[in-house]
Amino acid sequence: MQKLYLRPTTIDARIIGKFEGNMKGSGKVEITETGVVDGNIKTDSLIINEGGVFSGKVTRITQGEEKGKKKFKPKEMEEEKVSAKAEKKEKEGKIKEFELGDIDDSLRL
């Protein structure tokens, strides 16, 4: 049986193999007929199909918790952050520019 590894917090999850540990699913969590879960789940929607195995505790997400809140910054903000880091490294002389013909397999930055 395959093991399924997830981040502890997700939106939707469909367990088709074995999952061990605790998780929070702000959307729908489904344990299929081949799924085995050993751990605690925090969600508003849990579906256990016939044949699926669940051993643990289920709790509902409370209204005070932010459902589905993005924990990741928008792509534009990430690009700006990366760009700022690159500019800093370039000023420090840690980034070098090369022409395509100058690059070979032995080049290490």
N, C-alpha and C. Protein backbone atom coordinates (compact mmCIF):
# COMPACT_ATOMS: atom_id res chain seq x y z
N MET A 1 0.84 -1.18 0.00
CA MET A 1 0.00 0.00 0.00
C MET A 1 0.89 1.25 0.00
N GLN A 2 0.54 2.22 -0.81
CA GLN A 2 1.32 3.46 -0.89
C GLN A 2 1.01 4.35 0.29
N LYS A 3 2.03 5.11 0.73
CA LYS A 3 1.81 6.09 1.79
C LYS A 3 1.60 7.45 1.15
N LEU A 4 0.74 8.24 1.74
CA LEU A 4 0.45 9.57 1.24
C LEU A 4 0.96 10.58 2.25
N TYR A 5 1.80 11.51 1.80
CA TYR A 5 2.33 12.55 2.67
C TYR A 5 1.74 13.88 2.25
N LEU A 6 1.16 14.59 3.20
CA LEU A 6 0.56 15.90 2.94
C LEU A 6 1.13 16.92 3.90
N ARG A 7 0.95 18.16 3.57
CA ARG A 7 1.25 19.21 4.53
C ARG A 7 0.21 19.08 5.64
N PRO A 8 0.55 19.50 6.84
CA PRO A 8 -0.43 19.40 7.93
C PRO A 8 -1.70 20.19 7.66
N THR A 9 -1.62 21.24 6.84
CA THR A 9 -2.79 22.06 6.53
C THR A 9 -3.01 22.03 5.02
N THR A 10 -4.24 21.74 4.62
CA THR A 10 -4.57 21.67 3.20
C THR A 10 -5.99 22.16 3.00
N ILE A 11 -6.43 22.23 1.78
CA ILE A 11 -7.82 22.61 1.51
C ILE A 11 -8.64 21.34 1.33
N ASP A 12 -8.43 20.63 0.24
CA ASP A 12 -9.12 19.37 -0.01
C ASP A 12 -8.09 18.25 0.02
N ALA A 13 -8.51 17.09 0.54
CA ALA A 13 -7.62 15.93 0.56
C ALA A 13 -8.41 14.68 0.21
N ARG A 14 -7.80 13.82 -0.57
CA ARG A 14 -8.41 12.53 -0.92
C ARG A 14 -7.37 11.47 -0.59
N ILE A 15 -7.62 10.70 0.45
CA ILE A 15 -6.68 9.70 0.93
C ILE A 15 -6.97 8.38 0.22
N ILE A 16 -6.02 7.91 -0.59
CA ILE A 16 -6.20 6.64 -1.30
C ILE A 16 -5.23 5.58 -0.80
N GLY A 17 -4.25 5.98 -0.01
CA GLY A 17 -3.26 5.06 0.56
C GLY A 17 -3.26 5.22 2.06
N LYS A 18 -2.09 5.20 2.66
CA LYS A 18 -1.98 5.33 4.11
C LYS A 18 -1.48 6.72 4.49
N PHE A 19 -2.16 7.33 5.45
CA PHE A 19 -1.76 8.63 5.98
C PHE A 19 -1.62 8.50 7.49
N GLU A 20 -0.46 8.90 8.01
CA GLU A 20 -0.23 8.88 9.45
C GLU A 20 0.09 10.30 9.90
N GLY A 21 -0.57 10.75 10.95
CA GLY A 21 -0.31 12.08 11.49
C GLY A 21 -1.58 12.90 11.57
N ASN A 22 -1.42 14.15 11.95
CA ASN A 22 -2.55 15.06 12.09
C ASN A 22 -2.62 15.98 10.89
N MET A 23 -3.84 16.35 10.50
CA MET A 23 -3.99 17.28 9.39
C MET A 23 -5.20 18.16 9.59
N LYS A 24 -5.18 19.30 8.91
CA LYS A 24 -6.31 20.22 8.90
C LYS A 24 -6.70 20.41 7.45
N GLY A 25 -7.95 20.14 7.13
CA GLY A 25 -8.46 20.33 5.77
C GLY A 25 -9.60 21.32 5.80
N SER A 26 -9.39 22.51 5.30
CA SER A 26 -10.44 23.53 5.34
C SER A 26 -11.53 23.27 4.32
N GLY A 27 -11.30 22.33 3.41
CA GLY A 27 -12.32 21.94 2.45
C GLY A 27 -12.83 20.56 2.80
N LYS A 28 -12.88 19.69 1.79
CA LYS A 28 -13.41 18.33 1.96
C LYS A 28 -12.26 17.35 2.15
N VAL A 29 -12.37 16.48 3.16
CA VAL A 29 -11.41 15.41 3.37
C VAL A 29 -12.14 14.10 3.11
N GLU A 30 -11.61 13.31 2.17
CA GLU A 30 -12.26 12.04 1.80
C GLU A 30 -11.28 10.89 1.99
N ILE A 31 -11.74 9.85 2.67
CA ILE A 31 -10.97 8.62 2.80
C ILE A 31 -11.63 7.61 1.88
N THR A 32 -10.91 7.19 0.84
CA THR A 32 -11.49 6.27 -0.15
C THR A 32 -11.54 4.85 0.40
N GLU A 33 -12.08 3.94 -0.40
CA GLU A 33 -12.21 2.54 0.02
C GLU A 33 -10.86 1.88 0.28
N THR A 34 -9.78 2.42 -0.28
CA THR A 34 -8.44 1.88 -0.04
C THR A 34 -7.64 2.73 0.94
N GLY A 35 -8.23 3.81 1.43
CA GLY A 35 -7.52 4.73 2.31
C GLY A 35 -7.49 4.28 3.76
N VAL A 36 -6.36 4.57 4.42
CA VAL A 36 -6.18 4.26 5.84
C VAL A 36 -5.59 5.51 6.49
N VAL A 37 -6.27 6.03 7.50
CA VAL A 37 -5.79 7.21 8.22
C VAL A 37 -5.61 6.86 9.68
N ASP A 38 -4.42 7.15 10.20
CA ASP A 38 -4.12 6.96 11.61
C ASP A 38 -3.65 8.30 12.15
N GLY A 39 -4.58 9.07 12.72
CA GLY A 39 -4.25 10.39 13.22
C GLY A 39 -5.50 11.22 13.39
N ASN A 40 -5.33 12.47 13.73
CA ASN A 40 -6.45 13.37 13.98
C ASN A 40 -6.68 14.27 12.77
N ILE A 41 -7.96 14.55 12.51
CA ILE A 41 -8.33 15.41 11.37
C ILE A 41 -9.20 16.54 11.89
N LYS A 42 -8.90 17.75 11.43
CA LYS A 42 -9.73 18.91 11.74
C LYS A 42 -10.30 19.40 10.42
N THR A 43 -11.63 19.34 10.26
CA THR A 43 -12.27 19.70 9.01
C THR A 43 -13.76 19.94 9.23
N ASP A 44 -14.42 20.54 8.26
CA ASP A 44 -15.87 20.69 8.29
C ASP A 44 -16.56 19.60 7.49
N SER A 45 -15.81 18.87 6.66
CA SER A 45 -16.42 17.86 5.80
C SER A 45 -15.52 16.63 5.72
N LEU A 46 -15.95 15.54 6.33
CA LEU A 46 -15.20 14.29 6.30
C LEU A 46 -16.07 13.21 5.67
N ILE A 47 -15.55 12.55 4.65
CA ILE A 47 -16.25 11.46 3.97
C ILE A 47 -15.39 10.22 4.10
N ILE A 48 -15.97 9.14 4.63
CA ILE A 48 -15.27 7.87 4.72
C ILE A 48 -16.05 6.87 3.87
N ASN A 49 -15.46 6.47 2.75
CA ASN A 49 -16.12 5.51 1.87
C ASN A 49 -16.08 4.12 2.49
N GLU A 50 -17.01 3.26 2.07
CA GLU A 50 -17.05 1.89 2.57
C GLU A 50 -15.72 1.20 2.29
N GLY A 51 -15.12 0.62 3.32
CA GLY A 51 -13.81 -0.01 3.19
C GLY A 51 -12.69 0.88 3.69
N GLY A 52 -12.92 2.19 3.75
CA GLY A 52 -11.92 3.11 4.27
C GLY A 52 -11.76 2.93 5.77
N VAL A 53 -10.55 3.17 6.28
CA VAL A 53 -10.27 2.97 7.70
C VAL A 53 -9.80 4.29 8.31
N PHE A 54 -10.40 4.64 9.45
CA PHE A 54 -10.00 5.86 10.16
C PHE A 54 -9.83 5.54 11.63
N SER A 55 -8.68 5.90 12.16
CA SER A 55 -8.40 5.71 13.58
C SER A 55 -7.85 7.02 14.11
N GLY A 56 -8.67 7.74 14.86
CA GLY A 56 -8.24 9.03 15.38
C GLY A 56 -9.42 9.84 15.84
N LYS A 57 -9.23 11.14 15.94
CA LYS A 57 -10.25 12.06 16.41
C LYS A 57 -10.55 13.09 15.32
N VAL A 58 -11.83 13.42 15.17
CA VAL A 58 -12.24 14.44 14.21
C VAL A 58 -12.80 15.62 14.98
N THR A 59 -12.36 16.84 14.63
CA THR A 59 -12.94 18.05 15.20
C THR A 59 -13.31 18.99 14.07
N ARG A 60 -14.35 19.79 14.32
CA ARG A 60 -14.79 20.76 13.32
C ARG A 60 -13.96 22.02 13.39
N ILE A 61 -13.83 22.67 12.25
CA ILE A 61 -13.17 23.98 12.20
C ILE A 61 -14.17 24.99 12.75
N THR A 62 -13.74 25.79 13.72
CA THR A 62 -14.65 26.76 14.34
C THR A 62 -14.76 28.01 13.48
N GLN A 63 -15.82 28.80 13.74
CA GLN A 63 -16.02 30.03 12.97
C GLN A 63 -14.88 31.01 13.16
N GLY A 64 -14.24 30.99 14.31
CA GLY A 64 -13.13 31.91 14.58
C GLY A 64 -11.90 31.63 13.74
N GLU A 65 -11.78 30.40 13.25
CA GLU A 65 -10.64 30.06 12.41
C GLU A 65 -10.93 30.50 10.98
N GLU A 66 -9.90 30.92 10.30
CA GLU A 66 -10.07 31.38 8.93
C GLU A 66 -10.03 30.18 8.00
N LYS A 67 -11.16 29.87 7.37
CA LYS A 67 -11.23 28.74 6.46
C LYS A 67 -10.58 29.08 5.13
N GLY A 68 -9.71 28.20 4.68
CA GLY A 68 -9.13 28.34 3.35
C GLY A 68 -8.21 29.54 3.19
N LYS A 69 -7.75 30.11 4.29
CA LYS A 69 -6.87 31.28 4.19
C LYS A 69 -5.57 30.90 3.50
N LYS A 70 -5.19 31.70 2.52
CA LYS A 70 -3.94 31.45 1.82
C LYS A 70 -2.79 31.76 2.76
N LYS A 71 -1.89 30.81 2.89
CA LYS A 71 -0.71 31.01 3.73
C LYS A 71 0.46 31.46 2.88
N PHE A 72 0.26 31.48 1.57
CA PHE A 72 1.35 31.83 0.67
C PHE A 72 1.12 33.23 0.12
N LYS A 73 2.20 33.95 -0.10
CA LYS A 73 2.10 35.29 -0.65
C LYS A 73 1.80 35.21 -2.14
N PRO A 74 1.12 36.21 -2.67
CA PRO A 74 0.88 36.21 -4.12
C PRO A 74 2.19 36.14 -4.89
N LYS A 75 2.14 35.58 -6.08
CA LYS A 75 3.32 35.38 -6.90
C LYS A 75 4.08 36.68 -7.15
N GLU A 76 3.35 37.77 -7.36
CA GLU A 76 4.01 39.05 -7.63
C GLU A 76 4.89 39.47 -6.46
N MET A 77 4.40 39.27 -5.22
CA MET A 77 5.18 39.65 -4.05
C MET A 77 6.42 38.78 -3.93
N GLU A 78 6.28 37.49 -4.24
CA GLU A 78 7.42 36.58 -4.18
C GLU A 78 8.47 36.99 -5.21
N GLU A 79 8.02 37.37 -6.43
CA GLU A 79 8.95 37.78 -7.48
C GLU A 79 9.70 39.03 -7.07
N GLU A 80 8.99 39.99 -6.44
CA GLU A 80 9.64 41.22 -5.98
C GLU A 80 10.70 40.89 -4.92
N LYS A 81 10.37 39.98 -4.02
CA LYS A 81 11.29 39.58 -2.97
C LYS A 81 12.54 38.93 -3.56
N VAL A 82 12.34 38.03 -4.52
CA VAL A 82 13.46 37.36 -5.18
C VAL A 82 14.30 38.38 -5.94
N SER A 83 13.64 39.31 -6.62
CA SER A 83 14.34 40.34 -7.39
C SER A 83 15.19 41.21 -6.47
N ALA A 84 14.65 41.58 -5.31
CA ALA A 84 15.40 42.41 -4.37
C ALA A 84 16.62 41.65 -3.84
N LYS A 85 16.46 40.36 -3.57
CA LYS A 85 17.59 39.56 -3.10
C LYS A 85 18.66 39.46 -4.18
N ALA A 86 18.23 39.29 -5.44
CA ALA A 86 19.18 39.17 -6.54
C ALA A 86 19.97 40.47 -6.71
N GLU A 87 19.28 41.62 -6.61
CA GLU A 87 19.96 42.90 -6.72
C GLU A 87 21.00 43.06 -5.62
N LYS A 88 20.66 42.65 -4.41
CA LYS A 88 21.60 42.75 -3.29
C LYS A 88 22.83 41.88 -3.54
N LYS A 89 22.61 40.65 -3.99
CA LYS A 89 23.73 39.73 -4.26
C LYS A 89 24.58 40.24 -5.41
N GLU A 90 23.94 40.89 -6.40
CA GLU A 90 24.69 41.43 -7.53
C GLU A 90 25.60 42.56 -7.05
N LYS A 91 25.09 43.42 -6.17
CA LYS A 91 25.89 44.51 -5.63
C LYS A 91 27.05 43.98 -4.80
N GLU A 92 26.84 42.86 -4.13
CA GLU A 92 27.90 42.25 -3.31
C GLU A 92 28.88 41.46 -4.16
N GLY A 93 28.64 41.39 -5.45
CA GLY A 93 29.53 40.66 -6.35
C GLY A 93 29.34 39.15 -6.33
N LYS A 94 28.21 38.70 -5.79
CA LYS A 94 27.97 37.26 -5.70
C LYS A 94 27.27 36.72 -6.95
N ILE A 95 26.77 37.60 -7.80
CA ILE A 95 26.13 37.17 -9.04
C ILE A 95 26.97 37.67 -10.20
N LYS A 96 27.27 36.78 -11.10
CA LYS A 96 28.08 37.14 -12.27
C LYS A 96 27.27 36.86 -13.52
N GLU A 97 27.48 37.68 -14.53
CA GLU A 97 26.80 37.47 -15.80
C GLU A 97 27.74 36.80 -16.77
N PHE A 98 27.22 35.87 -17.53
CA PHE A 98 27.99 35.15 -18.53
C PHE A 98 27.24 35.15 -19.84
N GLU A 99 27.98 35.14 -20.92
CA GLU A 99 27.39 34.93 -22.23
C GLU A 99 27.16 33.43 -22.38
N LEU A 100 26.21 33.06 -23.19
CA LEU A 100 25.86 31.65 -23.36
C LEU A 100 27.06 30.82 -23.76
N GLY A 101 27.92 31.33 -24.60
CA GLY A 101 29.10 30.59 -25.05
C GLY A 101 30.15 30.39 -23.97
N ASP A 102 30.09 31.19 -22.88
CA ASP A 102 31.08 31.10 -21.80
C ASP A 102 30.79 29.96 -20.82
N ILE A 103 29.62 29.38 -20.88
CA ILE A 103 29.22 28.39 -19.89
C ILE A 103 29.60 26.99 -20.34
N ASP A 104 30.24 26.25 -19.45
CA ASP A 104 30.51 24.84 -19.74
C ASP A 104 30.16 24.01 -18.50
N ASP A 105 30.30 22.70 -18.59
CA ASP A 105 29.90 21.81 -17.50
C ASP A 105 30.73 21.99 -16.24
N SER A 106 31.93 22.51 -16.34
CA SER A 106 32.78 22.63 -15.16
C SER A 106 32.56 23.93 -14.39
N LEU A 107 31.74 24.83 -14.91
CA LEU A 107 31.50 26.12 -14.27
C LEU A 107 30.67 25.95 -13.01
N ARG A 108 31.14 26.48 -11.91
CA ARG A 108 30.41 26.40 -10.65
C ARG A 108 30.29 27.82 -10.09
N LEU A 109 29.09 28.19 -9.69
CA LEU A 109 28.86 29.51 -9.09
C LEU A 109 28.90 29.43 -7.60
